[in-house]
Amino acid sequence: MSSDYQNLHDVSGKAAVVIGAAGGIGHAVARGLAANGARTICVDVDADGAETTATTIRNDGGQAESVKADVLSDGDLDRLTTEYGDAEILVVTPAILVRKRITEQNDDEFDKQVNLNVKGTFRVVRGFGRAMAERGRGSIIGFSSVRAELVEPGSGVYAATKAAVLQMLRTLAAELGPDGVRVNLISPSPVATRLTEDVRSRPEWFEATANRSMLRRWAEPDDFVGPALFLASDASRFVTAANLAVDGGWSAADGLSRISG
């Protein structure tokens, strides 16, 4: 295969479906893909938020449309995969975290996290994965977390769902690889989004989390645009089943790293 090094990250002419595009990482990644040429379909259960993202992209000169869809709804998911089954890029970001100790969580809270974080991801990648395999190409990008391997009191169920997503998508990569479809994951450290408002509202927690990173700051949604673009584009054409840590060194260091220098 010949190489066009100057255009490795160009995704012009490709349709990119971003699930969870109304805010946070999904919003940033949708804008980043569009800025590099993709026709971006901004999907979220929050219709107004999805349209705000799409409008921002169009105002910046990109191509975008918005779709209201609940990934746990059969009708919404069937419509989504039917109408946008030609997508060559799929990014799946939604997740929820009920921050409670395991012994204090009830069944409804458990089900809520497992249903969206695991089942929702499963349903989306199943539908789009089938279509990509039939065409013989595509890139699927899921989101795990440092919590898939590093525990924190109060996030046990969430951590379990992220470990499940990690192994599920690695398996999907093995299953779809022969069909020309790549499947990869991004694992963030805590990100400054609505999911972490409770932690960031407490100065001592905010500082402790920032200092856990080698870069001494929180991750921001924009930090995930480059990694997602890499995995979506030909820049990563021989990368599949990878779990890319985008965590400021969080997962490589113990707590003593904050004492250095």
C-alpha atoms as a PDB file:
ATOM      1  CA  MET A   1       0.000   0.000   0.000  1.00  0.00           C
ATOM      2  CA  SER A   2       1.409   3.374  -1.016  1.00  0.00           C
ATOM      3  CA  SER A   3       1.659   6.048   1.665  1.00  0.00           C
ATOM      4  CA  ASP A   4       0.457   9.630   1.513  1.00  0.00           C
ATOM      5  CA  TYR A   5       2.076  10.881   4.692  1.00  0.00           C
ATOM      6  CA  GLN A   6       0.705  14.416   4.456  1.00  0.00           C
ATOM      7  CA  ASN A   7      -2.883  13.197   4.523  1.00  0.00           C
ATOM      8  CA  LEU A   8      -2.693  10.360   7.020  1.00  0.00           C
ATOM      9  CA  HIS A   9      -5.193  12.052   9.369  1.00  0.00           C
ATOM     10  CA  ASP A  10      -7.536  13.223   6.626  1.00  0.00           C
ATOM     11  CA  VAL A  11     -11.015  11.699   6.935  1.00  0.00           C
ATOM     12  CA  SER A  12     -12.578  13.658   4.081  1.00  0.00           C
ATOM     13  CA  GLY A  13     -15.534  11.963   2.442  1.00  0.00           C
ATOM     14  CA  LYS A  14     -16.086   9.561   5.331  1.00  0.00           C
ATOM     15  CA  ALA A  15     -19.267   9.446   7.372  1.00  0.00           C
ATOM     16  CA  ALA A  16     -18.603   9.444  11.108  1.00  0.00           C
ATOM     17  CA  VAL A  17     -21.302   8.554  13.622  1.00  0.00           C
ATOM     18  CA  VAL A  18     -20.554   9.927  17.084  1.00  0.00           C
ATOM     19  CA  ILE A  19     -22.775   8.564  19.847  1.00  0.00           C
ATOM     20  CA  GLY A  20     -22.994  10.945  22.788  1.00  0.00           C
ATOM     21  CA  ALA A  21     -22.202  14.053  20.747  1.00  0.00           C
ATOM     22  CA  ALA A  22     -24.240  16.499  22.834  1.00  0.00           C
ATOM     23  CA  GLY A  23     -21.445  17.213  25.288  1.00  0.00           C
ATOM     24  CA  GLY A  24     -18.123  16.296  26.814  1.00  0.00           C
ATOM     25  CA  ILE A  25     -15.789  14.043  24.867  1.00  0.00           C
ATOM     26  CA  GLY A  26     -18.416  13.264  22.228  1.00  0.00           C
ATOM     27  CA  HIS A  27     -18.918  16.948  21.420  1.00  0.00           C
ATOM     28  CA  ALA A  28     -15.176  17.549  21.074  1.00  0.00           C
ATOM     29  CA  VAL A  29     -14.534  14.446  18.965  1.00  0.00           C
ATOM     30  CA  ALA A  30     -17.460  15.228  16.651  1.00  0.00           C
ATOM     31  CA  ARG A  31     -16.030  18.680  16.017  1.00  0.00           C
ATOM     32  CA  GLY A  32     -12.535  17.306  15.537  1.00  0.00           C
ATOM     33  CA  LEU A  33     -13.591  14.727  12.963  1.00  0.00           C
ATOM     34  CA  ALA A  34     -15.611  17.313  11.063  1.00  0.00           C
ATOM     35  CA  ALA A  35     -12.682  19.747  11.084  1.00  0.00           C
ATOM     36  CA  ASN A  36     -10.649  17.076   9.306  1.00  0.00           C
ATOM     37  CA  GLY A  37     -13.202  16.461   6.585  1.00  0.00           C
ATOM     38  CA  ALA A  38     -15.695  13.920   7.927  1.00  0.00           C
ATOM     39  CA  ARG A  39     -19.422  14.188   7.451  1.00  0.00           C
ATOM     40  CA  THR A  40     -20.341  13.927  11.098  1.00  0.00           C
ATOM     41  CA  ILE A  41     -23.621  12.530  12.408  1.00  0.00           C
ATOM     42  CA  CYS A  42     -24.092  13.853  15.938  1.00  0.00           C
ATOM     43  CA  VAL A  43     -26.191  11.359  17.892  1.00  0.00           C
ATOM     44  CA  ASP A  44     -27.560  11.801  21.388  1.00  0.00           C
ATOM     45  CA  VAL A  45     -30.689  11.223  23.429  1.00  0.00           C
ATOM     46  CA  ASP A  46     -30.440  14.972  24.094  1.00  0.00           C
ATOM     47  CA  ALA A  47     -31.779  16.293  20.791  1.00  0.00           C
ATOM     48  CA  ASP A  48     -31.063  19.943  21.541  1.00  0.00           C
ATOM     49  CA  GLY A  49     -27.516  19.177  22.592  1.00  0.00           C
ATOM     50  CA  ALA A  50     -26.859  17.096  19.487  1.00  0.00           C
ATOM     51  CA  GLU A  51     -28.193  19.872  17.269  1.00  0.00           C
ATOM     52  CA  THR A  52     -26.067  22.456  19.084  1.00  0.00           C
ATOM     53  CA  THR A  53     -22.974  20.403  18.284  1.00  0.00           C
ATOM     54  CA  ALA A  54     -24.021  19.985  14.654  1.00  0.00           C
ATOM     55  CA  THR A  55     -24.751  23.704  14.341  1.00  0.00           C
ATOM     56  CA  THR A  56     -21.339  24.569  15.765  1.00  0.00           C
ATOM     57  CA  ILE A  57     -19.709  22.299  13.195  1.00  0.00           C
ATOM     58  CA  ARG A  58     -21.659  23.836  10.323  1.00  0.00           C
ATOM     59  CA  ASN A  59     -20.812  27.344  11.536  1.00  0.00           C
ATOM     60  CA  ASP A  60     -17.151  26.305  11.441  1.00  0.00           C
ATOM     61  CA  GLY A  61     -17.550  25.241   7.810  1.00  0.00           C
ATOM     62  CA  GLY A  62     -17.948  21.505   8.375  1.00  0.00           C
ATOM     63  CA  GLN A  63     -20.607  18.975   7.436  1.00  0.00           C
ATOM     64  CA  ALA A  64     -22.873  17.742  10.211  1.00  0.00           C
ATOM     65  CA  GLU A  65     -26.376  16.666  11.069  1.00  0.00           C
ATOM     66  CA  SER A  66     -27.978  15.698  14.329  1.00  0.00           C
ATOM     67  CA  VAL A  67     -30.055  12.687  15.298  1.00  0.00           C
ATOM     68  CA  LYS A  68     -31.978  12.084  18.491  1.00  0.00           C
ATOM     69  CA  ALA A  69     -31.560   8.444  19.457  1.00  0.00           C
ATOM     70  CA  ASP A  70     -31.585   6.294  22.555  1.00  0.00           C
ATOM     71  CA  VAL A  71     -29.198   3.369  22.047  1.00  0.00           C
ATOM     72  CA  LEU A  72     -31.408   1.237  24.312  1.00  0.00           C
ATOM     73  CA  SER A  73     -34.416   1.757  22.024  1.00  0.00           C
ATOM     74  CA  ASP A  74     -34.877  -0.880  19.304  1.00  0.00           C
ATOM     75  CA  GLY A  75     -36.665   1.575  17.042  1.00  0.00           C
ATOM     76  CA  ASP A  76     -34.071   4.315  17.421  1.00  0.00           C
ATOM     77  CA  LEU A  77     -31.164   1.959  16.874  1.00  0.00           C
ATOM     78  CA  ASP A  78     -32.749   0.289  13.828  1.00  0.00           C
ATOM     79  CA  ARG A  79     -33.392   3.702  12.288  1.00  0.00           C
ATOM     80  CA  LEU A  80     -29.869   4.824  13.037  1.00  0.00           C
ATOM     81  CA  THR A  81     -28.137   1.790  11.542  1.00  0.00           C
ATOM     82  CA  THR A  82     -30.459   1.774   8.527  1.00  0.00           C
ATOM     83  CA  GLU A  83     -30.068   5.451   7.707  1.00  0.00           C
ATOM     84  CA  TYR A  84     -26.360   5.701   8.501  1.00  0.00           C
ATOM     85  CA  GLY A  85     -25.182   2.175   7.865  1.00  0.00           C
ATOM     86  CA  ASP A  86     -22.649   3.526   5.359  1.00  0.00           C
ATOM     87  CA  ALA A  87     -20.605   5.111   8.138  1.00  0.00           C
ATOM     88  CA  GLU A  88     -16.910   4.242   8.047  1.00  0.00           C
ATOM     89  CA  ILE A  89     -16.229   5.674  11.509  1.00  0.00           C
ATOM     90  CA  LEU A  90     -18.114   4.959  14.718  1.00  0.00           C
ATOM     91  CA  VAL A  91     -17.320   6.586  18.050  1.00  0.00           C
ATOM     92  CA  VAL A  92     -19.204   5.430  21.161  1.00  0.00           C
ATOM     93  CA  THR A  93     -18.802   7.630  24.256  1.00  0.00           C
ATOM     94  CA  PRO A  94     -21.890   7.500  26.551  1.00  0.00           C
ATOM     95  CA  ALA A  95     -21.531   6.256  30.116  1.00  0.00           C
ATOM     96  CA  ILE A  96     -22.955   6.959  33.532  1.00  0.00           C
ATOM     97  CA  LEU A  97     -21.445   6.573  36.973  1.00  0.00           C
ATOM     98  CA  VAL A  98     -23.381   6.212  40.209  1.00  0.00           C
ATOM     99  CA  ARG A  99     -20.728   7.081  42.769  1.00  0.00           C
ATOM    100  CA  LYS A 100     -21.549   4.799  45.701  1.00  0.00           C
ATOM    101  CA  ARG A 101     -19.846   1.962  47.485  1.00  0.00           C
ATOM    102  CA  ILE A 102     -20.863  -1.448  46.215  1.00  0.00           C
ATOM    103  CA  THR A 103     -22.598  -2.345  49.477  1.00  0.00           C
ATOM    104  CA  GLU A 104     -24.738   0.792  49.206  1.00  0.00           C
ATOM    105  CA  GLN A 105     -25.855   0.501  45.571  1.00  0.00           C
ATOM    106  CA  ASN A 106     -29.279  -0.885  44.791  1.00  0.00           C
ATOM    107  CA  ASP A 107     -30.294  -3.078  41.867  1.00  0.00           C
ATOM    108  CA  ASP A 108     -31.731  -0.181  39.876  1.00  0.00           C
ATOM    109  CA  GLU A 109     -28.477   1.765  40.118  1.00  0.00           C
ATOM    110  CA  PHE A 110     -26.535  -1.323  39.072  1.00  0.00           C
ATOM    111  CA  ASP A 111     -28.846  -1.952  36.103  1.00  0.00           C
ATOM    112  CA  LYS A 112     -28.722   1.684  35.019  1.00  0.00           C
ATOM    113  CA  GLN A 113     -24.935   1.622  34.671  1.00  0.00           C
ATOM    114  CA  VAL A 114     -24.705  -1.823  33.084  1.00  0.00           C
ATOM    115  CA  ASN A 115     -27.527  -1.121  30.623  1.00  0.00           C
ATOM    116  CA  LEU A 116     -26.039   2.056  29.189  1.00  0.00           C
ATOM    117  CA  ASN A 117     -22.315   1.464  29.591  1.00  0.00           C
ATOM    118  CA  VAL A 118     -22.202  -2.166  28.462  1.00  0.00           C
ATOM    119  CA  LYS A 119     -25.454  -3.067  26.725  1.00  0.00           C
ATOM    120  CA  GLY A 120     -25.716   0.279  24.969  1.00  0.00           C
ATOM    121  CA  THR A 121     -22.193  -0.046  23.598  1.00  0.00           C
ATOM    122  CA  PHE A 122     -22.858  -3.659  22.625  1.00  0.00           C
ATOM    123  CA  ARG A 123     -26.011  -2.786  20.681  1.00  0.00           C
ATOM    124  CA  VAL A 124     -24.352   0.032  18.769  1.00  0.00           C
ATOM    125  CA  VAL A 125     -21.176  -1.834  17.796  1.00  0.00           C
ATOM    126  CA  ARG A 126     -23.206  -4.916  16.852  1.00  0.00           C
ATOM    127  CA  GLY A 127     -25.335  -2.989  14.387  1.00  0.00           C
ATOM    128  CA  PHE A 128     -22.633  -0.863  12.805  1.00  0.00           C
ATOM    129  CA  GLY A 129     -20.079  -3.678  12.994  1.00  0.00           C
ATOM    130  CA  ARG A 130     -22.277  -5.863  10.794  1.00  0.00           C
ATOM    131  CA  ALA A 131     -22.591  -3.138   8.166  1.00  0.00           C
ATOM    132  CA  MET A 132     -18.864  -2.374   8.200  1.00  0.00           C
ATOM    133  CA  ALA A 133     -17.970  -6.053   7.874  1.00  0.00           C
ATOM    134  CA  GLU A 134     -20.237  -6.389   4.845  1.00  0.00           C
ATOM    135  CA  ARG A 135     -18.450  -3.485   3.145  1.00  0.00           C
ATOM    136  CA  GLY A 136     -15.010  -4.690   4.220  1.00  0.00           C
ATOM    137  CA  ARG A 137     -13.854  -1.520   5.972  1.00  0.00           C
ATOM    138  CA  GLY A 138     -14.449   0.701   8.982  1.00  0.00           C
ATOM    139  CA  SER A 139     -13.091   1.965  12.281  1.00  0.00           C
ATOM    140  CA  ILE A 140     -14.898   1.551  15.601  1.00  0.00           C
ATOM    141  CA  ILE A 141     -13.696   3.526  18.610  1.00  0.00           C
ATOM    142  CA  GLY A 142     -15.017   2.740  22.078  1.00  0.00           C
ATOM    143  CA  PHE A 143     -14.246   4.275  25.438  1.00  0.00           C
ATOM    144  CA  SER A 144     -13.058   2.303  28.434  1.00  0.00           C
ATOM    145  CA  SER A 145     -11.392   3.976  31.434  1.00  0.00           C
ATOM    146  CA  VAL A 146      -8.393   3.739  33.731  1.00  0.00           C
ATOM    147  CA  ARG A 147     -11.007   2.392  36.153  1.00  0.00           C
ATOM    148  CA  ALA A 148     -11.047  -0.853  34.142  1.00  0.00           C
ATOM    149  CA  GLU A 149      -7.777  -1.666  35.906  1.00  0.00           C
ATOM    150  CA  LEU A 150      -7.297   0.846  38.744  1.00  0.00           C
ATOM    151  CA  VAL A 151      -9.911   0.779  41.470  1.00  0.00           C
ATOM    152  CA  GLU A 152     -11.447   3.644  43.411  1.00  0.00           C
ATOM    153  CA  PRO A 153     -13.925   3.296  46.285  1.00  0.00           C
ATOM    154  CA  GLY A 154     -17.325   4.348  45.056  1.00  0.00           C
ATOM    155  CA  SER A 155     -16.864   3.470  41.385  1.00  0.00           C
ATOM    156  CA  GLY A 156     -16.905  -0.326  41.518  1.00  0.00           C
ATOM    157  CA  VAL A 157     -19.889  -0.942  39.245  1.00  0.00           C
ATOM    158  CA  TYR A 158     -18.746   1.696  36.768  1.00  0.00           C
ATOM    159  CA  ALA A 159     -15.268   0.134  36.778  1.00  0.00           C
ATOM    160  CA  ALA A 160     -16.765  -3.284  36.084  1.00  0.00           C
ATOM    161  CA  THR A 161     -18.678  -1.929  33.092  1.00  0.00           C
ATOM    162  CA  LYS A 162     -15.552  -0.337  31.661  1.00  0.00           C
ATOM    163  CA  ALA A 163     -13.609  -3.584  32.053  1.00  0.00           C
ATOM    164  CA  ALA A 164     -16.448  -5.339  30.240  1.00  0.00           C
ATOM    165  CA  VAL A 165     -16.353  -2.820  27.378  1.00  0.00           C
ATOM    166  CA  LEU A 166     -12.591  -3.279  27.082  1.00  0.00           C
ATOM    167  CA  GLN A 167     -12.788  -7.046  26.687  1.00  0.00           C
ATOM    168  CA  MET A 168     -15.906  -6.952  24.519  1.00  0.00           C
ATOM    169  CA  LEU A 169     -14.330  -4.612  21.977  1.00  0.00           C
ATOM    170  CA  ARG A 170     -11.039  -6.465  21.957  1.00  0.00           C
ATOM    171  CA  THR A 171     -13.008  -9.577  21.064  1.00  0.00           C
ATOM    172  CA  LEU A 172     -14.914  -7.660  18.402  1.00  0.00           C
ATOM    173  CA  ALA A 173     -11.573  -6.598  16.910  1.00  0.00           C
ATOM    174  CA  ALA A 174     -10.583 -10.254  16.584  1.00  0.00           C
ATOM    175  CA  GLU A 175     -13.927 -11.152  15.045  1.00  0.00           C
ATOM    176  CA  LEU A 176     -14.081  -8.309  12.524  1.00  0.00           C
ATOM    177  CA  GLY A 177     -10.387  -8.004  11.699  1.00  0.00           C
ATOM    178  CA  PRO A 178     -10.542 -10.520   8.834  1.00  0.00           C
ATOM    179  CA  ASP A 179     -13.330  -8.404   7.325  1.00  0.00           C
ATOM    180  CA  GLY A 180     -11.174  -5.273   7.274  1.00  0.00           C
ATOM    181  CA  VAL A 181     -12.774  -3.566  10.273  1.00  0.00           C
ATOM    182  CA  ARG A 182     -10.580  -2.101  13.013  1.00  0.00           C
ATOM    183  CA  VAL A 183     -11.806  -1.810  16.617  1.00  0.00           C
ATOM    184  CA  ASN A 184      -9.908   0.169  19.246  1.00  0.00           C
ATOM    185  CA  LEU A 185     -10.443   1.780  22.626  1.00  0.00           C
ATOM    186  CA  ILE A 186      -9.432   4.934  24.430  1.00  0.00           C
ATOM    187  CA  SER A 187      -9.054   4.825  28.210  1.00  0.00           C
ATOM    188  CA  PRO A 188      -9.187   8.235  29.893  1.00  0.00           C
ATOM    189  CA  SER A 189      -8.286   9.242  33.396  1.00  0.00           C
ATOM    190  CA  PRO A 190     -10.977  11.422  35.040  1.00  0.00           C
ATOM    191  CA  VAL A 191     -12.160  14.080  32.581  1.00  0.00           C
ATOM    192  CA  ALA A 192     -13.630  17.494  33.337  1.00  0.00           C
ATOM    193  CA  THR A 193     -17.192  16.749  32.218  1.00  0.00           C
ATOM    194  CA  ARG A 194     -20.605  16.474  33.857  1.00  0.00           C
ATOM    195  CA  LEU A 195     -19.717  12.934  34.929  1.00  0.00           C
ATOM    196  CA  THR A 196     -17.162  14.286  37.389  1.00  0.00           C
ATOM    197  CA  GLU A 197     -18.914  17.422  38.642  1.00  0.00           C
ATOM    198  CA  ASP A 198     -19.222  15.959  42.132  1.00  0.00           C
ATOM    199  CA  VAL A 199     -15.468  15.382  42.407  1.00  0.00           C
ATOM    200  CA  ARG A 200     -14.488  18.727  40.916  1.00  0.00           C
ATOM    201  CA  SER A 201     -16.807  20.577  43.282  1.00  0.00           C
ATOM    202  CA  ARG A 202     -14.596  19.631  46.249  1.00  0.00           C
ATOM    203  CA  PRO A 203     -11.231  21.426  46.212  1.00  0.00           C
ATOM    204  CA  GLU A 204      -9.341  18.653  47.985  1.00  0.00           C
ATOM    205  CA  TRP A 205     -10.669  16.016  45.570  1.00  0.00           C
ATOM    206  CA  PHE A 206     -10.031  18.261  42.589  1.00  0.00           C
ATOM    207  CA  GLU A 207      -6.398  18.807  43.565  1.00  0.00           C
ATOM    208  CA  ALA A 208      -5.767  15.168  44.444  1.00  0.00           C
ATOM    209  CA  THR A 209      -7.084  14.059  41.058  1.00  0.00           C
ATOM    210  CA  ALA A 210      -5.079  16.682  39.161  1.00  0.00           C
ATOM    211  CA  ASN A 211      -1.882  15.747  40.996  1.00  0.00           C
ATOM    212  CA  ARG A 212      -2.342  12.041  40.233  1.00  0.00           C
ATOM    213  CA  SER A 213      -1.482  12.887  36.618  1.00  0.00           C
ATOM    214  CA  MET A 214       2.150  13.327  35.639  1.00  0.00           C
ATOM    215  CA  LEU A 215       1.019  16.514  33.885  1.00  0.00           C
ATOM    216  CA  ARG A 216      -0.599  17.798  37.084  1.00  0.00           C
ATOM    217  CA  ARG A 217      -3.956  18.603  35.579  1.00  0.00           C
ATOM    218  CA  TRP A 218      -7.328  17.124  34.721  1.00  0.00           C
ATOM    219  CA  ALA A 219      -8.034  15.748  31.281  1.00  0.00           C
ATOM    220  CA  GLU A 220     -10.228  18.005  29.129  1.00  0.00           C
ATOM    221  CA  PRO A 221     -12.579  16.830  26.331  1.00  0.00           C
ATOM    222  CA  ASP A 222     -10.339  18.400  23.684  1.00  0.00           C
ATOM    223  CA  ASP A 223      -7.501  16.099  24.779  1.00  0.00           C
ATOM    224  CA  PHE A 224      -9.303  13.210  23.074  1.00  0.00           C
ATOM    225  CA  VAL A 225      -9.704  14.736  19.627  1.00  0.00           C
ATOM    226  CA  GLY A 226      -6.196  13.840  18.428  1.00  0.00           C
ATOM    227  CA  PRO A 227      -6.269  10.251  19.713  1.00  0.00           C
ATOM    228  CA  ALA A 228      -9.733   9.665  18.215  1.00  0.00           C
ATOM    229  CA  LEU A 229      -8.672  11.163  14.886  1.00  0.00           C
ATOM    230  CA  PHE A 230      -5.610   8.910  14.877  1.00  0.00           C
ATOM    231  CA  LEU A 231      -7.723   5.802  15.441  1.00  0.00           C
ATOM    232  CA  ALA A 232     -10.369   6.890  12.913  1.00  0.00           C
ATOM    233  CA  SER A 233      -7.926   7.653  10.105  1.00  0.00           C
ATOM    234  CA  ASP A 234      -5.359   5.839   7.976  1.00  0.00           C
ATOM    235  CA  ALA A 235      -2.709   6.989  10.439  1.00  0.00           C
ATOM    236  CA  SER A 236      -3.660   3.874  12.432  1.00  0.00           C
ATOM    237  CA  ARG A 237      -4.406   1.552   9.536  1.00  0.00           C
ATOM    238  CA  PHE A 238      -2.524  -1.374  11.173  1.00  0.00           C
ATOM    239  CA  VAL A 239      -3.794  -0.679  14.684  1.00  0.00           C
ATOM    240  CA  THR A 240      -6.619  -2.780  16.068  1.00  0.00           C
ATOM    241  CA  ALA A 241      -7.561  -4.207  19.491  1.00  0.00           C
ATOM    242  CA  ALA A 242      -5.485  -1.417  21.055  1.00  0.00           C
ATOM    243  CA  ASN A 243      -6.376   0.270  24.323  1.00  0.00           C
ATOM    244  CA  LEU A 244      -4.898   3.758  24.121  1.00  0.00           C
ATOM    245  CA  ALA A 245      -4.319   5.316  27.542  1.00  0.00           C
ATOM    246  CA  VAL A 246      -5.045   9.037  27.329  1.00  0.00           C
ATOM    247  CA  ASP A 247      -4.483   9.745  30.988  1.00  0.00           C
ATOM    248  CA  GLY A 248      -1.516  12.061  31.460  1.00  0.00           C
ATOM    249  CA  GLY A 249       0.539   9.153  32.744  1.00  0.00           C
ATOM    250  CA  TRP A 250      -2.037   8.292  35.415  1.00  0.00           C
ATOM    251  CA  SER A 251      -1.883   4.533  34.865  1.00  0.00           C
ATOM    252  CA  ALA A 252       1.925   4.370  34.715  1.00  0.00           C
ATOM    253  CA  ALA A 253       2.744   5.880  38.093  1.00  0.00           C
ATOM    254  CA  ASP A 254       2.041   5.207  41.727  1.00  0.00           C
ATOM    255  CA  GLY A 255       1.081   7.883  44.213  1.00  0.00           C
ATOM    256  CA  LEU A 256       4.727   8.699  44.994  1.00  0.00           C
ATOM    257  CA  SER A 257       5.137  10.369  41.598  1.00  0.00           C
ATOM    258  CA  ARG A 258       3.460  13.508  42.920  1.00  0.00           C
ATOM    259  CA  ILE A 259       6.288  13.986  45.447  1.00  0.00           C
ATOM    260  CA  SER A 260       9.045  14.222  42.826  1.00  0.00           C
ATOM    261  CA  GLY A 261      11.141  17.310  42.141  1.00  0.00           C
END
